[in-house]
Amino acid sequence: MRIGALEAGGTKMVLGIFDEEGHLLEDTKLPTRTPAQTMPEIISFFREKGIEKLGIGTFGPVDLREDSPTYGSITSTPKLDWRDYPLLKTLKEALGVPCGIDTDVNAAALAEVRLGAARGCANAVYVTVGTGVGAGICVGGKLVHGLMHPEVGHMLLKPNPRDPLPQGICPYHESCLEGLASGPAIAKRAGTGAENLQDDDPVFTLETDYLAQMCVNLIMVLSPERIVIGGGVLGKEHLLDRVRRETVRLLGGYIQAPEVTARIDSYIVLPELFPISGLIGSWLLGRDAV
């Protein structure tokens, strides 16, 4: 069986062909332009490969309520050309194969829980910190949906008193995680991207604070067995260890689980499948589609 995987991102579309065992047979990338420009290319690629199923991990927000008339549609995205676009319906009708859909970060979370850094954990969170901040949440082995999909990137945080940009850069909320800790927030303060900064740059003290606050909130609300943090900002190797230590400090001894008190280095971890966690997760969504 040939299974298609689409990781639909805000700047690029990653398309893959897998066999049933999860071997990546072929992949390609396309720029994310308008639906009228991009979708025919996606449909043509998958038609030519003779896929029997398709999994889709997409940027959002996306309607994931299966009883909704707009199930599988991208909703209030800032990418105006894609707003209210029926992504699932379009692909299903064009290809005529079973399709599974979820957010790109939920797809990545699924991959890391089943095959990667959170293997063996029924309850885990995958966070990506880059152009935005998003998270996929797995509880009881299942991805979390509800009123909508989780929007961890917009949890509100306590601004650091030394932050020259305490309101953040989010157009919707003051002092939310994405507005304070995303790659563009770092660049707004420092005048350049995180990859160009020295490890001792003060901006990383702020980043440590905000990501540790995020971890504490996730621990207190979801009690995950593991937190996986990836994305471009975590390319700075020193940052994750600083976040671990600050998380323990902020917890103040309240959580006495040995995973936190004695094994924090294996509790807050990097992804194992990056940079194709999302593509592998999309394959899993496709494989499971009925």
Protein backbone atom coordinates (compact mmCIF):
# COMPACT_ATOMS: atom_id res chain seq x y z
CA MET A 1 0.00 0.00 0.00
CA ARG A 2 1.25 3.46 -0.91
CA ILE A 3 0.23 6.15 1.58
CA GLY A 4 0.50 9.84 0.86
CA ALA A 5 1.50 12.36 3.51
CA LEU A 6 0.99 16.10 3.30
CA GLU A 7 2.52 18.46 5.83
CA ALA A 8 0.79 21.69 4.88
CA GLY A 9 2.77 24.60 6.24
CA GLY A 10 2.31 28.33 6.05
CA THR A 11 5.41 28.80 3.89
CA LYS A 12 5.88 25.39 2.24
CA MET A 13 4.03 22.16 1.54
CA VAL A 14 5.95 18.94 2.15
CA LEU A 15 4.63 15.93 0.26
CA GLY A 16 5.72 12.37 0.92
CA ILE A 17 5.00 8.85 -0.28
CA PHE A 18 5.36 6.06 2.29
CA ASP A 19 4.81 2.34 2.22
CA GLU A 20 2.63 0.71 4.88
CA GLU A 21 5.64 0.04 7.12
CA GLY A 22 6.57 3.71 7.20
CA HIS A 23 9.50 3.78 4.79
CA LEU A 24 9.69 7.14 3.03
CA LEU A 25 9.85 6.32 -0.68
CA GLU A 26 9.79 9.83 -2.11
CA ASP A 27 9.24 13.41 -1.00
CA THR A 28 9.10 16.87 -2.47
CA LYS A 29 8.45 20.45 -1.37
CA LEU A 30 6.26 23.16 -2.86
CA PRO A 31 5.92 26.81 -1.84
CA THR A 32 2.61 27.68 -0.18
CA ARG A 33 1.03 30.14 -2.55
CA THR A 34 -2.70 30.59 -3.11
CA PRO A 35 -5.00 27.53 -3.14
CA ALA A 36 -5.60 28.07 -6.86
CA GLN A 37 -1.86 27.81 -7.50
CA THR A 38 -0.83 25.23 -4.92
CA MET A 39 -3.65 22.69 -4.76
CA PRO A 40 -3.48 21.51 -8.42
CA GLU A 41 0.22 20.73 -7.92
CA ILE A 42 -0.49 18.76 -4.75
CA ILE A 43 -3.34 16.82 -6.35
CA SER A 44 -1.27 16.06 -9.46
CA PHE A 45 1.64 14.74 -7.38
CA PHE A 46 -0.48 12.33 -5.37
CA ARG A 47 -2.50 11.18 -8.40
CA GLU A 48 0.68 10.27 -10.25
CA LYS A 49 1.93 8.19 -7.31
CA GLY A 50 -1.21 6.04 -7.09
CA ILE A 51 -1.74 6.47 -3.37
CA GLU A 52 -4.44 4.47 -1.58
CA LYS A 53 -4.69 6.68 1.51
CA LEU A 54 -3.67 10.23 2.47
CA GLY A 55 -2.77 11.84 5.78
CA ILE A 56 -2.82 15.61 6.20
CA GLY A 57 -1.13 17.64 8.91
CA THR A 58 -2.01 21.26 8.29
CA PHE A 59 -1.40 24.75 9.55
CA GLY A 60 -4.44 26.20 11.26
CA PRO A 61 -6.66 27.04 12.79
CA VAL A 62 -8.57 24.13 11.27
CA ASP A 63 -12.04 22.72 11.99
CA LEU A 64 -11.53 19.23 13.45
CA ARG A 65 -15.07 18.55 14.65
CA GLU A 66 -16.15 15.54 12.62
CA ASP A 67 -19.84 16.46 12.88
CA SER A 68 -19.22 19.97 11.53
CA PRO A 69 -20.26 20.90 7.97
CA THR A 70 -16.85 22.55 7.58
CA TYR A 71 -14.83 19.61 8.99
CA GLY A 72 -11.32 19.70 7.61
CA SER A 73 -11.47 23.35 6.54
CA ILE A 74 -8.83 25.91 7.42
CA THR A 75 -10.61 28.67 9.33
CA SER A 76 -9.36 32.03 10.65
CA THR A 77 -5.78 31.84 9.40
CA PRO A 78 -3.88 35.10 8.84
CA LYS A 79 -3.07 33.68 5.38
CA LEU A 80 -6.15 35.31 3.88
CA ASP A 81 -6.15 33.31 0.64
CA TRP A 82 -6.57 30.12 2.70
CA ARG A 83 -9.22 31.41 5.09
CA ASP A 84 -12.27 29.07 5.14
CA TYR A 85 -10.63 26.84 2.55
CA PRO A 86 -12.09 23.25 2.45
CA LEU A 87 -8.75 21.45 2.42
CA LEU A 88 -9.95 17.97 3.38
CA LYS A 89 -13.00 18.05 1.12
CA THR A 90 -10.96 19.23 -1.87
CA LEU A 91 -8.34 16.49 -1.52
CA LYS A 92 -10.86 13.77 -0.77
CA GLU A 93 -12.99 14.57 -3.80
CA ALA A 94 -10.01 14.95 -6.12
CA LEU A 95 -8.18 11.78 -5.06
CA GLY A 96 -11.04 9.51 -4.04
CA VAL A 97 -9.11 7.87 -1.19
CA PRO A 98 -9.62 7.73 2.59
CA CYS A 99 -8.03 10.77 4.26
CA GLY A 100 -7.08 11.63 7.82
CA ILE A 101 -6.49 15.21 8.95
CA ASP A 102 -5.18 17.04 11.99
CA THR A 103 -2.99 20.03 12.77
CA ASP A 104 0.66 19.90 11.78
CA VAL A 105 1.77 19.98 15.42
CA ASN A 106 -0.70 17.26 16.40
CA ALA A 107 0.73 15.15 13.57
CA ALA A 108 4.24 15.76 14.91
CA ALA A 109 3.07 14.87 18.42
CA LEU A 110 1.58 11.62 17.14
CA ALA A 111 4.86 10.73 15.46
CA GLU A 112 6.97 11.47 18.53
CA VAL A 113 4.61 9.51 20.81
CA ARG A 114 4.43 6.43 18.62
CA LEU A 115 7.90 6.38 17.13
CA GLY A 116 10.11 9.09 18.61
CA ALA A 117 11.16 10.90 21.75
CA ALA A 118 7.93 10.16 23.67
CA ARG A 119 7.69 6.44 22.83
CA GLY A 120 5.97 4.54 25.61
CA CYS A 121 4.19 7.64 26.92
CA ALA A 122 0.40 7.65 26.65
CA ASN A 123 0.36 11.29 27.79
CA ALA A 124 2.80 13.71 26.20
CA VAL A 125 3.09 17.18 24.67
CA TYR A 126 5.05 18.18 21.59
CA VAL A 127 5.86 21.90 21.28
CA THR A 128 7.43 23.61 18.30
CA VAL A 129 9.05 27.02 18.76
CA GLY A 130 9.85 28.80 15.53
CA THR A 131 8.01 31.37 13.44
CA GLY A 132 5.09 30.65 15.76
CA VAL A 133 4.58 28.46 18.80
CA GLY A 134 2.27 25.49 18.56
CA ALA A 135 1.72 22.26 20.44
CA GLY A 136 0.17 18.87 19.95
CA ILE A 137 -1.21 17.10 23.00
CA CYS A 138 -1.65 13.36 23.39
CA VAL A 139 -3.74 12.06 26.31
CA GLY A 140 -4.44 8.37 26.79
CA GLY A 141 -2.73 7.68 23.49
CA LYS A 142 -5.14 9.93 21.59
CA LEU A 143 -4.72 13.43 20.19
CA VAL A 144 -6.68 16.08 22.07
CA HIS A 145 -9.55 17.87 20.37
CA GLY A 146 -12.47 19.65 21.96
CA LEU A 147 -14.06 22.98 21.25
CA MET A 148 -11.17 23.23 18.76
CA HIS A 149 -7.59 22.01 18.79
CA PRO A 150 -5.27 23.19 21.59
CA GLU A 151 -3.63 26.59 21.09
CA VAL A 152 -0.76 26.36 23.57
CA GLY A 153 1.06 29.16 21.76
CA HIS A 154 -1.51 31.64 23.00
CA MET A 155 -1.40 30.81 26.71
CA LEU A 156 -0.84 33.99 28.69
CA LEU A 157 2.45 34.38 30.58
CA LYS A 158 3.90 36.68 33.19
CA PRO A 159 6.26 39.10 31.40
CA ASN A 160 9.82 39.16 32.63
CA PRO A 161 10.54 42.51 34.36
CA ARG A 162 13.69 42.90 32.23
CA ASP A 163 11.88 42.35 28.95
CA PRO A 164 11.99 45.45 26.70
CA LEU A 165 9.00 43.99 24.82
CA PRO A 166 6.70 42.84 27.66
CA GLN A 167 3.54 42.99 25.57
CA GLY A 168 5.02 40.68 22.91
CA ILE A 169 4.22 40.81 19.21
CA CYS A 170 0.99 38.81 18.95
CA PRO A 171 -1.76 40.84 17.21
CA TYR A 172 -4.44 39.09 19.30
CA HIS A 173 -3.10 39.00 22.88
CA GLU A 174 -0.66 40.84 25.07
CA SER A 175 2.00 38.72 26.74
CA CYS A 176 1.10 35.35 25.22
CA LEU A 177 3.66 32.60 24.69
CA GLU A 178 3.94 33.03 20.92
CA GLY A 179 4.11 36.80 21.19
CA LEU A 180 6.92 36.59 23.74
CA ALA A 181 8.93 33.49 22.78
CA SER A 182 8.61 32.91 19.01
CA GLY A 183 11.49 33.44 16.61
CA PRO A 184 10.09 36.78 15.39
CA ALA A 185 9.78 37.97 19.01
CA ILE A 186 13.46 37.21 19.55
CA ALA A 187 14.35 39.03 16.32
CA LYS A 188 12.22 42.03 17.31
CA ARG A 189 14.25 42.46 20.50
CA ALA A 190 17.68 41.55 19.16
CA GLY A 191 17.45 42.86 15.61
CA THR A 192 18.42 39.45 14.21
CA GLY A 193 17.42 35.79 14.39
CA ALA A 194 18.28 33.51 17.30
CA GLU A 195 20.74 31.58 15.14
CA ASN A 196 22.94 34.69 14.81
CA LEU A 197 23.18 35.42 18.54
CA GLN A 198 25.83 34.39 21.03
CA ASP A 199 24.74 31.92 23.69
CA ASP A 200 25.16 34.52 26.45
CA ASP A 201 22.92 37.09 24.76
CA PRO A 202 20.39 38.45 27.30
CA VAL A 203 17.51 37.53 24.99
CA PHE A 204 18.05 33.86 25.89
CA THR A 205 17.46 34.61 29.56
CA LEU A 206 14.03 35.89 28.57
CA GLU A 207 13.45 32.89 26.29
CA THR A 208 14.41 30.52 29.09
CA ASP A 209 11.93 32.20 31.43
CA TYR A 210 9.04 32.02 28.97
CA LEU A 211 9.61 28.44 27.88
CA ALA A 212 9.98 27.35 31.51
CA GLN A 213 6.72 29.10 32.39
CA MET A 214 5.14 27.17 29.52
CA CYS A 215 6.51 23.88 30.85
CA VAL A 216 5.23 24.59 34.34
CA ASN A 217 1.76 25.40 32.99
CA LEU A 218 1.73 22.20 30.92
CA ILE A 219 2.82 20.12 33.90
CA MET A 220 0.20 21.63 36.20
CA VAL A 221 -2.68 21.41 33.73
CA LEU A 222 -1.96 18.25 31.73
CA SER A 223 0.50 16.26 33.87
CA PRO A 224 2.28 14.84 30.81
CA GLU A 225 4.74 11.98 31.07
CA ARG A 226 7.09 13.82 28.71
CA ILE A 227 7.45 17.24 27.11
CA VAL A 228 9.12 17.36 23.71
CA ILE A 229 10.28 20.78 22.48
CA GLY A 230 11.48 21.32 18.91
CA GLY A 231 11.52 23.97 16.24
CA GLY A 232 14.14 26.34 14.90
CA VAL A 233 14.70 28.29 18.12
CA LEU A 234 15.78 25.07 19.89
CA GLY A 235 18.67 24.85 17.47
CA LYS A 236 20.57 26.74 20.19
CA GLU A 237 21.77 23.69 22.11
CA HIS A 238 22.29 25.45 25.44
CA LEU A 239 18.68 26.62 25.62
CA LEU A 240 16.94 23.34 26.45
CA ASP A 241 19.13 22.64 29.48
CA ARG A 242 18.49 26.16 30.79
CA VAL A 243 14.75 25.62 30.34
CA ARG A 244 14.93 22.35 32.29
CA ARG A 245 16.68 23.97 35.26
CA GLU A 246 14.37 26.99 35.28
CA THR A 247 11.30 24.73 35.11
CA VAL A 248 12.45 22.89 38.22
CA ARG A 249 13.09 26.21 39.98
CA LEU A 250 9.69 27.60 39.08
CA LEU A 251 7.95 24.44 40.28
CA GLY A 252 9.37 25.25 43.71
CA GLY A 253 9.38 21.66 44.94
CA TYR A 254 5.61 21.28 44.53
CA ILE A 255 5.88 18.38 42.07
CA GLN A 256 7.74 15.50 43.68
CA ALA A 257 7.63 13.02 40.80
CA PRO A 258 11.13 11.60 40.20
CA GLU A 259 10.78 12.37 36.48
CA VAL A 260 11.06 16.02 37.50
CA THR A 261 13.15 15.87 40.65
CA ALA A 262 15.75 13.37 39.45
CA ARG A 263 15.34 12.85 35.70
CA ILE A 264 14.48 16.24 34.23
CA ASP A 265 17.00 15.70 31.39
CA SER A 266 14.89 12.82 30.09
CA TYR A 267 11.57 14.51 30.88
CA ILE A 268 11.94 17.71 28.82
CA VAL A 269 13.61 16.55 25.61
CA LEU A 270 14.29 17.34 21.98
CA PRO A 271 12.33 15.50 19.26
CA GLU A 272 13.92 12.42 17.73
CA LEU A 273 12.21 12.69 14.35
CA PHE A 274 12.82 16.41 13.61
CA PRO A 275 12.72 17.84 10.96
CA ILE A 276 10.22 15.32 9.52
CA SER A 277 8.13 14.67 12.65
CA GLY A 278 5.14 16.31 10.97
CA LEU A 279 5.51 14.34 7.73
CA ILE A 280 5.81 11.03 9.60
CA GLY A 281 2.79 11.99 11.69
CA SER A 282 0.85 12.75 8.51
CA TRP A 283 1.72 9.26 7.27
CA LEU A 284 0.33 7.84 10.52
CA LEU A 285 -2.88 9.85 10.04
CA GLY A 286 -3.16 8.45 6.54
CA ARG A 287 -2.41 4.88 7.58
CA ASP A 288 -5.13 5.07 10.23
CA ALA A 289 -7.70 6.68 7.90
CA VAL A 290 -10.82 4.63 7.11
